[in-house]
């Protein structure tokens, strides 16, 4: 399994807490091996992960974080994944108000911030 680079995480539309933790652990190991202090960006990432880990339930089991900006797309994909839509729909099923559907789905999610970006995660 390839380690996720901590630099590639910032601003991602969808995140998995296990990948964040893996990048965090890898960064701390690199700092330890190189016997140095974390630079400003690395420390920002470390502090952000420490804070996020306290806010997100199910962290160690794989909590998913979805960017607020991507949540409507996520709602469409989720509806397809659970079989609520198949992609072969005809009118009137093609007239779903996805903004409203995403808003209603969002009720089961909590908002968190990570590195200046807002995400939703299952409550």
Protein backbone atom coordinates (compact mmCIF):
# COMPACT_ATOMS: atom_id res chain seq x y z
CA UNK A 1 0.00 0.00 0.00
CA UNK A 2 1.38 3.38 -1.02
CA UNK A 3 1.51 6.04 1.66
CA UNK A 4 -0.59 9.13 1.04
CA UNK A 5 1.55 12.27 0.89
CA UNK A 6 0.37 14.78 3.46
CA UNK A 7 0.74 17.62 0.91
CA UNK A 8 -1.79 16.01 -1.42
CA UNK A 9 -4.53 15.93 1.20
CA UNK A 10 -5.18 19.66 1.58
CA UNK A 11 -8.26 20.70 -0.38
CA UNK A 12 -9.26 17.20 -1.49
CA UNK A 13 -12.98 16.83 -2.14
CA UNK A 14 -13.20 13.50 -0.33
CA UNK A 15 -11.00 12.17 2.43
CA UNK A 16 -10.73 8.96 4.38
CA UNK A 17 -9.54 9.30 7.98
CA UNK A 18 -7.32 6.23 7.54
CA UNK A 19 -5.44 7.91 4.69
CA UNK A 20 -5.08 11.10 6.71
CA UNK A 21 -3.77 9.08 9.67
CA UNK A 22 -1.34 7.21 7.40
CA UNK A 23 0.03 10.49 6.01
CA UNK A 24 0.26 11.89 9.55
CA UNK A 25 2.16 8.84 10.83
CA UNK A 26 4.48 8.89 7.83
CA UNK A 27 5.24 12.58 8.32
CA UNK A 28 6.00 12.12 12.01
CA UNK A 29 8.29 9.19 11.18
CA UNK A 30 10.14 11.23 8.55
CA UNK A 31 10.64 14.07 11.03
CA UNK A 32 11.90 11.61 13.65
CA UNK A 33 14.27 9.84 11.25
CA UNK A 34 15.65 13.14 10.00
CA UNK A 35 16.02 14.32 13.62
CA UNK A 36 14.53 17.71 12.95
CA UNK A 37 11.63 19.93 13.94
CA UNK A 38 8.53 20.14 11.77
CA UNK A 39 8.45 23.16 9.50
CA UNK A 40 5.50 25.57 9.60
CA UNK A 41 3.39 23.73 6.99
CA UNK A 42 4.11 20.33 8.51
CA UNK A 43 3.19 21.59 11.97
CA UNK A 44 -0.04 23.07 10.62
CA UNK A 45 -0.93 19.64 9.19
CA UNK A 46 0.00 17.84 12.43
CA UNK A 47 -2.07 20.23 14.55
CA UNK A 48 -5.02 20.04 12.15
CA UNK A 49 -5.03 16.23 12.25
CA UNK A 50 -4.82 16.22 16.06
CA UNK A 51 -7.85 18.51 16.22
CA UNK A 52 -9.81 16.64 13.55
CA UNK A 53 -9.20 13.27 15.20
CA UNK A 54 -10.94 14.58 18.33
CA UNK A 55 -13.94 15.83 16.33
CA UNK A 56 -14.62 12.83 14.10
CA UNK A 57 -16.22 9.71 15.49
CA UNK A 58 -15.19 6.41 13.94
CA UNK A 59 -11.80 7.94 13.04
CA UNK A 60 -9.86 4.70 13.35
CA UNK A 61 -12.46 2.71 11.40
CA UNK A 62 -12.49 4.97 8.37
CA UNK A 63 -14.61 8.07 8.64
CA UNK A 64 -15.26 9.73 5.30
CA UNK A 65 -15.14 13.48 4.89
CA UNK A 66 -16.93 15.02 1.92
CA UNK A 67 -16.29 18.60 0.89
CA UNK A 68 -19.36 20.77 1.37
CA UNK A 69 -18.88 21.91 -2.23
CA UNK A 70 -19.04 18.30 -3.46
CA UNK A 71 -21.91 17.11 -1.28
CA UNK A 72 -24.58 17.35 -3.99
CA UNK A 73 -22.50 15.09 -6.26
CA UNK A 74 -21.98 12.75 -3.32
CA UNK A 75 -25.77 12.60 -2.76
CA UNK A 76 -26.27 11.53 -6.39
CA UNK A 77 -23.60 8.84 -6.11
CA UNK A 78 -25.02 7.64 -2.80
CA UNK A 79 -28.52 7.40 -4.28
CA UNK A 80 -27.11 5.28 -7.09
CA UNK A 81 -25.06 3.12 -4.71
CA UNK A 82 -28.10 2.23 -2.61
CA UNK A 83 -30.22 1.50 -5.69
CA UNK A 84 -32.53 4.49 -5.29
CA UNK A 85 -31.68 5.46 -8.88
CA UNK A 86 -30.18 3.36 -11.63
CA UNK A 87 -29.31 5.90 -14.31
CA UNK A 88 -32.03 4.51 -16.60
CA UNK A 89 -34.76 6.68 -15.13
CA UNK A 90 -37.23 8.54 -17.26
CA UNK A 91 -39.42 11.51 -16.46
CA UNK A 92 -40.42 12.38 -13.73
CA UNK A 93 -37.56 10.64 -11.90
CA UNK A 94 -35.08 12.65 -13.97
CA UNK A 95 -36.43 15.80 -12.31
CA UNK A 96 -34.99 15.18 -8.85
CA UNK A 97 -34.02 18.35 -7.03
CA UNK A 98 -30.51 17.20 -6.10
CA UNK A 99 -29.81 20.33 -4.10
CA UNK A 100 -32.81 19.57 -1.87
CA UNK A 101 -31.94 15.85 -1.73
CA UNK A 102 -28.40 16.70 -0.63
CA UNK A 103 -29.75 19.13 1.96
CA UNK A 104 -31.97 16.43 3.46
CA UNK A 105 -29.17 13.86 3.43
CA UNK A 106 -26.93 16.39 5.15
CA UNK A 107 -29.08 16.11 8.30
CA UNK A 108 -27.22 12.85 9.10
CA UNK A 109 -23.84 14.57 8.82
CA UNK A 110 -21.80 16.93 10.95
CA UNK A 111 -19.63 19.76 9.72
CA UNK A 112 -15.89 19.88 10.42
CA UNK A 113 -13.08 22.09 9.18
CA UNK A 114 -9.72 20.76 8.12
CA UNK A 115 -6.84 22.89 6.86
CA UNK A 116 -9.19 25.74 5.96
CA UNK A 117 -11.75 23.60 4.11
CA UNK A 118 -15.23 22.63 5.24
CA UNK A 119 -16.30 18.98 5.18
CA UNK A 120 -19.27 16.88 6.16
CA UNK A 121 -18.87 13.55 7.90
CA UNK A 122 -21.41 11.01 9.07
CA UNK A 123 -22.58 11.81 12.61
